[in-house]
Every structure is written in C-alpha cells, then in structure tokens.
C-alpha cells in the first residue's frame, strides 16, 4: 500500500513542479536547471509531510 501512495505522491510532485517551473527555464536570463530540482525537492517534502496527516486506509474485505 505504501508503494502506491509514494507513486501517487511522486506523480503529483512532478505535475506541480512542471507547472511551477513552466516558462522559467530555457530562455534568455532564465533560471538555471538546478531551479527545477530545488522546486521539486520543496514540493516533494511538502507532499510527504501532508500525507503523514492523512488517515490510514482501511483494508478491503470482511
């Protein structure tokens, strides 16, 4: 179960990072590539922290 949650968090972190850095890389006077990595690390840490507050999912079945 933890693996699925981590995968979902990773996908969400990638989506948020892509939205956050869109337009800020690759142009003249743009941010260095390290900027995207820094944004990803911050987003990932925030999502992991927020996921700790989520309630445990119940096990399916009887």
N, C-alpha and C. Protein backbone atom coordinates (compact mmCIF):
# COMPACT_ATOMS: atom_id res chain seq x y z
N UNK A 1 0.82 -1.19 0.00
CA UNK A 1 0.00 0.00 0.00
C UNK A 1 0.86 1.26 0.00
N UNK A 2 1.91 1.27 0.79
CA UNK A 2 2.78 2.45 0.86
C UNK A 2 3.41 2.75 -0.50
N UNK A 3 3.70 1.72 -1.25
CA UNK A 3 4.30 1.92 -2.57
C UNK A 3 3.35 2.68 -3.50
N UNK A 4 2.05 2.36 -3.46
CA UNK A 4 1.08 3.06 -4.31
C UNK A 4 0.94 4.52 -3.88
N UNK A 5 0.96 4.78 -2.59
CA UNK A 5 0.86 6.15 -2.10
C UNK A 5 2.09 6.93 -2.51
N UNK A 6 3.28 6.34 -2.36
CA UNK A 6 4.50 7.02 -2.78
C UNK A 6 4.48 7.31 -4.27
N UNK A 7 3.99 6.39 -5.08
CA UNK A 7 3.92 6.59 -6.52
C UNK A 7 2.97 7.75 -6.85
N UNK A 8 1.83 7.78 -6.20
CA UNK A 8 0.87 8.86 -6.43
C UNK A 8 1.46 10.21 -6.01
N UNK A 9 2.17 10.23 -4.89
CA UNK A 9 2.81 11.47 -4.44
C UNK A 9 3.88 11.92 -5.42
N UNK A 10 4.66 10.97 -5.94
CA UNK A 10 5.70 11.30 -6.92
C UNK A 10 5.08 11.91 -8.17
N UNK A 11 4.01 11.30 -8.67
CA UNK A 11 3.35 11.84 -9.87
C UNK A 11 2.81 13.24 -9.62
N UNK A 12 2.21 13.46 -8.46
CA UNK A 12 1.68 14.78 -8.13
C UNK A 12 2.81 15.79 -7.99
N UNK A 13 3.92 15.40 -7.37
CA UNK A 13 5.06 16.30 -7.23
C UNK A 13 5.63 16.69 -8.59
N UNK A 14 5.70 15.74 -9.50
CA UNK A 14 6.19 16.03 -10.85
C UNK A 14 5.24 17.01 -11.55
N UNK A 15 3.93 16.78 -11.44
CA UNK A 15 2.95 17.68 -12.06
C UNK A 15 3.05 19.10 -11.51
N UNK A 16 3.13 19.21 -10.19
CA UNK A 16 3.21 20.53 -9.56
C UNK A 16 4.51 21.22 -9.95
N UNK A 17 5.60 20.49 -9.95
CA UNK A 17 6.89 21.07 -10.32
C UNK A 17 6.87 21.56 -11.76
N UNK A 18 6.33 20.74 -12.66
CA UNK A 18 6.27 21.13 -14.06
C UNK A 18 5.45 22.42 -14.23
N UNK A 19 4.35 22.52 -13.52
CA UNK A 19 3.54 23.73 -13.59
C UNK A 19 4.28 24.93 -13.02
N UNK A 20 4.99 24.71 -11.93
CA UNK A 20 5.69 25.81 -11.26
C UNK A 20 6.85 26.36 -12.07
N UNK A 21 7.56 25.51 -12.78
CA UNK A 21 8.76 25.99 -13.49
C UNK A 21 8.50 26.26 -14.98
N UNK A 22 7.30 25.97 -15.45
CA UNK A 22 6.98 26.20 -16.85
C UNK A 22 7.20 27.67 -17.19
N UNK A 23 7.97 27.92 -18.21
CA UNK A 23 8.24 29.28 -18.64
C UNK A 23 9.43 29.93 -17.95
N UNK A 24 9.96 29.29 -16.92
CA UNK A 24 11.08 29.91 -16.21
C UNK A 24 12.42 29.28 -16.57
N UNK A 25 12.40 28.27 -17.45
CA UNK A 25 13.64 27.61 -17.85
C UNK A 25 13.83 27.68 -19.36
N UNK A 26 15.07 27.74 -19.77
CA UNK A 26 15.39 27.62 -21.19
C UNK A 26 15.46 28.91 -21.97
N UNK A 27 14.99 29.99 -21.44
CA UNK A 27 15.04 31.25 -22.17
C UNK A 27 16.22 32.10 -21.75
N UNK A 28 16.33 33.22 -22.39
CA UNK A 28 17.40 34.15 -22.04
C UNK A 28 17.14 34.70 -20.65
N UNK A 29 18.18 34.78 -19.85
CA UNK A 29 18.10 35.23 -18.46
C UNK A 29 17.14 34.38 -17.62
N UNK A 30 17.03 33.11 -17.95
CA UNK A 30 16.13 32.22 -17.21
C UNK A 30 16.84 31.59 -16.02
N UNK A 31 16.07 30.88 -15.24
CA UNK A 31 16.62 30.17 -14.08
C UNK A 31 17.53 29.04 -14.55
N UNK A 32 18.55 28.69 -13.74
CA UNK A 32 19.39 27.54 -14.08
C UNK A 32 18.61 26.24 -13.89
N UNK A 33 19.05 25.14 -14.54
CA UNK A 33 18.34 23.86 -14.39
C UNK A 33 18.19 23.41 -12.94
N UNK A 34 19.13 23.78 -12.07
CA UNK A 34 19.06 23.41 -10.67
C UNK A 34 17.78 23.96 -10.01
N UNK A 35 17.22 25.02 -10.57
CA UNK A 35 15.99 25.60 -10.03
C UNK A 35 14.87 24.58 -10.03
N UNK A 36 14.73 23.82 -11.10
CA UNK A 36 13.68 22.79 -11.19
C UNK A 36 13.88 21.73 -10.11
N UNK A 37 15.12 21.34 -9.88
CA UNK A 37 15.41 20.35 -8.84
C UNK A 37 15.07 20.89 -7.46
N UNK A 38 15.39 22.16 -7.22
CA UNK A 38 15.08 22.77 -5.93
C UNK A 38 13.57 22.84 -5.70
N UNK A 39 12.83 23.23 -6.74
CA UNK A 39 11.37 23.29 -6.63
C UNK A 39 10.82 21.90 -6.35
N UNK A 40 11.31 20.88 -7.08
CA UNK A 40 10.84 19.52 -6.87
C UNK A 40 11.07 19.06 -5.44
N UNK A 41 12.27 19.31 -4.92
CA UNK A 41 12.57 18.89 -3.54
C UNK A 41 11.62 19.54 -2.54
N UNK A 42 11.32 20.81 -2.72
CA UNK A 42 10.40 21.50 -1.82
C UNK A 42 8.98 20.95 -1.94
N UNK A 43 8.53 20.72 -3.16
CA UNK A 43 7.19 20.17 -3.38
C UNK A 43 7.10 18.77 -2.79
N UNK A 44 8.10 17.94 -3.04
CA UNK A 44 8.12 16.56 -2.54
C UNK A 44 8.06 16.54 -1.01
N UNK A 45 8.86 17.39 -0.38
CA UNK A 45 8.87 17.44 1.09
C UNK A 45 7.51 17.87 1.63
N UNK A 46 6.89 18.86 0.99
CA UNK A 46 5.58 19.32 1.44
C UNK A 46 4.52 18.24 1.27
N UNK A 47 4.54 17.53 0.16
CA UNK A 47 3.57 16.46 -0.07
C UNK A 47 3.77 15.31 0.91
N UNK A 48 5.00 14.93 1.17
CA UNK A 48 5.27 13.85 2.13
C UNK A 48 4.79 14.24 3.53
N UNK A 49 5.03 15.48 3.90
CA UNK A 49 4.60 15.95 5.21
C UNK A 49 3.07 15.95 5.30
N UNK A 50 2.42 16.42 4.26
CA UNK A 50 0.96 16.46 4.25
C UNK A 50 0.37 15.05 4.25
N UNK A 51 1.03 14.12 3.58
CA UNK A 51 0.49 12.75 3.51
C UNK A 51 0.55 12.06 4.87
N UNK A 52 1.44 12.50 5.72
CA UNK A 52 1.52 11.90 7.06
C UNK A 52 0.26 12.23 7.89
N UNK A 53 -0.42 13.30 7.52
CA UNK A 53 -1.64 13.70 8.25
C UNK A 53 -2.88 12.98 7.74
N UNK A 54 -2.77 12.27 6.63
CA UNK A 54 -3.93 11.56 6.09
C UNK A 54 -4.25 10.35 6.96
N UNK A 55 -5.51 10.03 7.11
CA UNK A 55 -5.86 8.83 7.89
C UNK A 55 -5.48 7.57 7.12
N UNK A 56 -5.22 6.52 7.88
CA UNK A 56 -4.90 5.22 7.28
C UNK A 56 -6.09 4.71 6.52
N UNK A 57 -5.84 4.10 5.38
CA UNK A 57 -6.91 3.46 4.62
C UNK A 57 -7.24 2.12 5.27
N UNK A 58 -8.50 1.81 5.30
CA UNK A 58 -8.93 0.51 5.82
C UNK A 58 -8.61 -0.59 4.84
N UNK A 59 -8.45 -1.79 5.34
CA UNK A 59 -8.20 -2.94 4.48
C UNK A 59 -9.52 -3.42 3.89
N UNK A 60 -9.55 -3.66 2.57
CA UNK A 60 -10.79 -4.16 1.99
C UNK A 60 -11.07 -5.60 2.44
N UNK A 61 -12.30 -5.93 2.47
CA UNK A 61 -12.67 -7.30 2.86
C UNK A 61 -13.58 -7.28 4.08
N UNK A 62 -13.67 -8.42 4.68
CA UNK A 62 -14.58 -8.59 5.81
C UNK A 62 -13.87 -8.55 7.11
